[in-house]
Amino acid sequence: MSSRIFSSREFTRDVAAAKAAALTGPVLITDRGQPAFVMLNIDEYRRLQGQAPSLFSLMQQLPELPADIAEIPRMELEFRDVEL
């Protein structure tokens, strides 16, 4: 993960470039040459906060199955005794 440094002036002039850079890694924003802020994309921020999406929330994002899908027939298995 690479980070990019923007001065406050560069950041103000080209916020879109800072946002694009934040997609690939943290963006360090300096104020008078000193680090002042860090900009992260939301997924990285949540990962750092330990806020990984729950399985339930991921399942809610799945598309619904169409109503016309036929049910899969149950498979009948036949078991035999093992001969040794």
N, C-alpha and C. Protein backbone atom coordinates (compact mmCIF):
# COMPACT_ATOMS: atom_id res chain seq x y z
N MET A 1 0.85 -1.17 0.00
CA MET A 1 0.00 0.00 0.00
C MET A 1 0.90 1.23 0.00
N SER A 2 0.77 2.04 -1.00
CA SER A 2 1.59 3.24 -1.10
C SER A 2 0.83 4.44 -0.55
N SER A 3 1.58 5.38 0.02
CA SER A 3 0.93 6.60 0.51
C SER A 3 1.43 7.78 -0.32
N ARG A 4 0.62 8.80 -0.36
CA ARG A 4 0.96 9.99 -1.13
C ARG A 4 0.88 11.18 -0.21
N ILE A 5 1.71 12.18 -0.44
CA ILE A 5 1.73 13.39 0.40
C ILE A 5 1.23 14.56 -0.42
N PHE A 6 0.29 15.28 0.17
CA PHE A 6 -0.25 16.51 -0.43
C PHE A 6 -0.03 17.63 0.57
N SER A 7 0.44 18.77 0.09
CA SER A 7 0.44 19.94 0.96
C SER A 7 -1.00 20.43 1.08
N SER A 8 -1.29 21.25 2.06
CA SER A 8 -2.65 21.80 2.20
C SER A 8 -3.06 22.53 0.92
N ARG A 9 -2.12 23.25 0.33
CA ARG A 9 -2.42 23.99 -0.89
C ARG A 9 -2.74 23.05 -2.05
N GLU A 10 -1.92 21.98 -2.22
CA GLU A 10 -2.18 21.00 -3.28
C GLU A 10 -3.53 20.32 -3.07
N PHE A 11 -3.80 19.98 -1.82
CA PHE A 11 -5.06 19.32 -1.51
C PHE A 11 -6.25 20.21 -1.87
N THR A 12 -6.18 21.49 -1.50
CA THR A 12 -7.26 22.43 -1.80
C THR A 12 -7.44 22.59 -3.31
N ARG A 13 -6.34 22.63 -4.04
CA ARG A 13 -6.42 22.81 -5.49
C ARG A 13 -6.96 21.59 -6.22
N ASP A 14 -6.66 20.38 -5.70
CA ASP A 14 -7.03 19.17 -6.44
C ASP A 14 -7.53 18.08 -5.49
N VAL A 15 -8.71 18.30 -4.93
CA VAL A 15 -9.30 17.33 -4.02
C VAL A 15 -9.55 16.00 -4.75
N ALA A 16 -9.94 16.07 -6.02
CA ALA A 16 -10.21 14.85 -6.79
C ALA A 16 -8.96 13.96 -6.87
N ALA A 17 -7.79 14.56 -7.03
CA ALA A 17 -6.56 13.77 -7.09
C ALA A 17 -6.27 13.11 -5.74
N ALA A 18 -6.57 13.82 -4.66
CA ALA A 18 -6.37 13.25 -3.32
C ALA A 18 -7.33 12.09 -3.09
N LYS A 19 -8.58 12.24 -3.54
CA LYS A 19 -9.55 11.17 -3.40
C LYS A 19 -9.12 9.95 -4.22
N ALA A 20 -8.63 10.16 -5.40
CA ALA A 20 -8.16 9.06 -6.24
C ALA A 20 -6.97 8.37 -5.60
N ALA A 21 -6.06 9.15 -5.02
CA ALA A 21 -4.89 8.57 -4.37
C ALA A 21 -5.29 7.77 -3.13
N ALA A 22 -6.35 8.19 -2.44
CA ALA A 22 -6.80 7.49 -1.24
C ALA A 22 -7.37 6.11 -1.56
N LEU A 23 -7.69 5.85 -2.81
CA LEU A 23 -8.18 4.53 -3.19
C LEU A 23 -7.07 3.49 -3.16
N THR A 24 -5.82 3.94 -3.31
CA THR A 24 -4.70 3.01 -3.33
C THR A 24 -3.88 3.02 -2.05
N GLY A 25 -4.13 3.96 -1.16
CA GLY A 25 -3.40 4.02 0.10
C GLY A 25 -3.69 5.31 0.83
N PRO A 26 -3.16 5.44 2.04
CA PRO A 26 -3.42 6.66 2.82
C PRO A 26 -2.82 7.89 2.15
N VAL A 27 -3.49 9.02 2.31
CA VAL A 27 -3.01 10.29 1.80
C VAL A 27 -2.65 11.16 3.00
N LEU A 28 -1.40 11.57 3.06
CA LEU A 28 -0.93 12.43 4.13
C LEU A 28 -1.04 13.88 3.67
N ILE A 29 -1.71 14.70 4.47
CA ILE A 29 -1.88 16.11 4.14
C ILE A 29 -1.05 16.92 5.13
N THR A 30 -0.16 17.74 4.60
CA THR A 30 0.73 18.51 5.45
C THR A 30 0.23 19.95 5.59
N ASP A 31 0.60 20.55 6.69
CA ASP A 31 0.31 21.96 6.94
C ASP A 31 1.63 22.62 7.33
N ARG A 32 2.12 23.51 6.48
CA ARG A 32 3.42 24.16 6.67
C ARG A 32 4.55 23.15 6.81
N GLY A 33 4.45 22.10 5.97
CA GLY A 33 5.50 21.10 5.93
C GLY A 33 5.42 20.01 6.98
N GLN A 34 4.48 20.13 7.90
CA GLN A 34 4.34 19.13 8.97
C GLN A 34 3.09 18.28 8.72
N PRO A 35 3.18 16.99 8.97
CA PRO A 35 1.99 16.14 8.80
C PRO A 35 0.85 16.64 9.69
N ALA A 36 -0.34 16.80 9.11
CA ALA A 36 -1.47 17.32 9.87
C ALA A 36 -2.68 16.38 9.82
N PHE A 37 -2.91 15.74 8.67
CA PHE A 37 -4.09 14.90 8.50
C PHE A 37 -3.75 13.69 7.66
N VAL A 38 -4.55 12.66 7.81
CA VAL A 38 -4.45 11.48 6.96
C VAL A 38 -5.84 11.21 6.40
N MET A 39 -5.92 10.99 5.09
CA MET A 39 -7.18 10.68 4.45
C MET A 39 -7.14 9.23 3.97
N LEU A 40 -8.18 8.46 4.33
CA LEU A 40 -8.28 7.05 3.96
C LEU A 40 -9.60 6.81 3.25
N ASN A 41 -9.64 5.77 2.41
CA ASN A 41 -10.94 5.41 1.88
C ASN A 41 -11.72 4.71 2.99
N ILE A 42 -13.03 4.69 2.88
CA ILE A 42 -13.87 4.22 3.98
C ILE A 42 -13.64 2.76 4.32
N ASP A 43 -13.35 1.93 3.32
CA ASP A 43 -13.11 0.51 3.60
C ASP A 43 -11.87 0.32 4.46
N GLU A 44 -10.82 1.06 4.18
CA GLU A 44 -9.60 0.96 4.97
C GLU A 44 -9.84 1.49 6.39
N TYR A 45 -10.58 2.59 6.50
CA TYR A 45 -10.90 3.14 7.82
C TYR A 45 -11.67 2.12 8.66
N ARG A 46 -12.68 1.51 8.05
CA ARG A 46 -13.47 0.51 8.79
C ARG A 46 -12.62 -0.68 9.18
N ARG A 47 -11.71 -1.09 8.29
CA ARG A 47 -10.82 -2.21 8.62
C ARG A 47 -9.96 -1.87 9.83
N LEU A 48 -9.42 -0.66 9.84
CA LEU A 48 -8.58 -0.23 10.96
C LEU A 48 -9.37 -0.12 12.26
N GLN A 49 -10.65 0.24 12.14
CA GLN A 49 -11.50 0.36 13.32
C GLN A 49 -12.05 -0.99 13.77
N GLY A 50 -11.77 -2.04 13.01
CA GLY A 50 -12.30 -3.36 13.36
C GLY A 50 -13.77 -3.47 13.04
N GLN A 51 -14.24 -2.69 12.09
CA GLN A 51 -15.65 -2.68 11.74
C GLN A 51 -15.88 -3.44 10.43
N ALA A 52 -15.37 -4.64 10.38
CA ALA A 52 -15.58 -5.44 9.17
C ALA A 52 -17.06 -5.72 9.02
N PRO A 53 -17.55 -5.75 7.80
CA PRO A 53 -18.97 -6.02 7.62
C PRO A 53 -19.34 -7.40 8.15
N SER A 54 -20.50 -7.50 8.75
CA SER A 54 -20.95 -8.78 9.28
C SER A 54 -21.43 -9.68 8.15
N LEU A 55 -21.47 -10.96 8.41
CA LEU A 55 -21.96 -11.90 7.42
C LEU A 55 -23.41 -11.59 7.08
N PHE A 56 -24.19 -11.20 8.08
CA PHE A 56 -25.60 -10.87 7.85
C PHE A 56 -25.73 -9.69 6.88
N SER A 57 -24.94 -8.64 7.08
CA SER A 57 -25.04 -7.48 6.19
C SER A 57 -24.58 -7.82 4.78
N LEU A 58 -23.60 -8.70 4.65
CA LEU A 58 -23.16 -9.13 3.32
C LEU A 58 -24.24 -9.96 2.63
N MET A 59 -24.93 -10.80 3.40
CA MET A 59 -25.99 -11.62 2.83
C MET A 59 -27.18 -10.76 2.39
N GLN A 60 -27.43 -9.67 3.09
CA GLN A 60 -28.52 -8.78 2.72
C GLN A 60 -28.26 -8.11 1.37
N GLN A 61 -27.01 -8.01 0.97
CA GLN A 61 -26.66 -7.38 -0.29
C GLN A 61 -26.81 -8.32 -1.50
N LEU A 62 -27.00 -9.61 -1.22
CA LEU A 62 -27.16 -10.58 -2.31
C LEU A 62 -28.50 -10.34 -3.00
N PRO A 63 -28.54 -10.52 -4.31
CA PRO A 63 -29.82 -10.34 -5.02
C PRO A 63 -30.79 -11.45 -4.65
N GLU A 64 -32.08 -11.13 -4.70
CA GLU A 64 -33.10 -12.14 -4.41
C GLU A 64 -33.21 -13.09 -5.59
N LEU A 65 -33.54 -14.33 -5.28
CA LEU A 65 -33.73 -15.32 -6.34
C LEU A 65 -35.08 -15.11 -6.98
N PRO A 66 -35.17 -15.29 -8.28
CA PRO A 66 -36.46 -15.16 -8.96
C PRO A 66 -37.45 -16.20 -8.44
N ALA A 67 -38.73 -15.86 -8.43
CA ALA A 67 -39.76 -16.75 -7.91
C ALA A 67 -39.96 -17.98 -8.77
N ASP A 68 -39.57 -17.92 -10.03
CA ASP A 68 -39.84 -19.04 -10.94
C ASP A 68 -38.75 -20.11 -10.96
N ILE A 69 -37.81 -20.04 -10.04
CA ILE A 69 -36.77 -21.07 -9.98
C ILE A 69 -37.39 -22.34 -9.39
N ALA A 70 -37.22 -23.44 -10.11
CA ALA A 70 -37.77 -24.72 -9.64
C ALA A 70 -36.93 -25.23 -8.48
N GLU A 71 -37.60 -25.93 -7.58
CA GLU A 71 -36.87 -26.50 -6.46
C GLU A 71 -36.03 -27.67 -6.94
N ILE A 72 -34.91 -27.85 -6.35
CA ILE A 72 -34.02 -28.95 -6.70
C ILE A 72 -34.56 -30.21 -6.04
N PRO A 73 -34.77 -31.28 -6.82
CA PRO A 73 -35.33 -32.49 -6.21
C PRO A 73 -34.34 -33.12 -5.23
N ARG A 74 -34.90 -33.69 -4.20
CA ARG A 74 -34.08 -34.33 -3.18
C ARG A 74 -33.51 -35.62 -3.76
N MET A 75 -32.25 -35.85 -3.52
CA MET A 75 -31.58 -37.03 -4.06
C MET A 75 -31.75 -38.18 -3.07
N GLU A 76 -32.20 -39.32 -3.59
CA GLU A 76 -32.35 -40.51 -2.75
C GLU A 76 -31.05 -41.31 -2.80
N LEU A 77 -30.47 -41.57 -1.67
CA LEU A 77 -29.23 -42.34 -1.59
C LEU A 77 -29.52 -43.74 -1.09
N GLU A 78 -28.81 -44.66 -1.62
CA GLU A 78 -28.96 -46.05 -1.22
C GLU A 78 -27.67 -46.48 -0.54
N PHE A 79 -27.79 -46.94 0.69
CA PHE A 79 -26.60 -47.35 1.44
C PHE A 79 -26.51 -48.88 1.43
N ARG A 80 -25.28 -49.37 1.31
CA ARG A 80 -25.04 -50.81 1.34
C ARG A 80 -24.09 -51.13 2.47
N ASP A 81 -24.18 -52.36 2.92
CA ASP A 81 -23.23 -52.81 3.94
C ASP A 81 -21.87 -52.97 3.29
N VAL A 82 -20.84 -52.71 4.03
CA VAL A 82 -19.47 -52.83 3.52
C VAL A 82 -18.98 -54.25 3.74
N GLU A 83 -18.46 -54.85 2.70
CA GLU A 83 -17.90 -56.21 2.81
C GLU A 83 -16.40 -56.11 2.98
N LEU A 84 -15.89 -56.74 4.03
CA LEU A 84 -14.45 -56.72 4.30
C LEU A 84 -13.82 -58.04 3.98
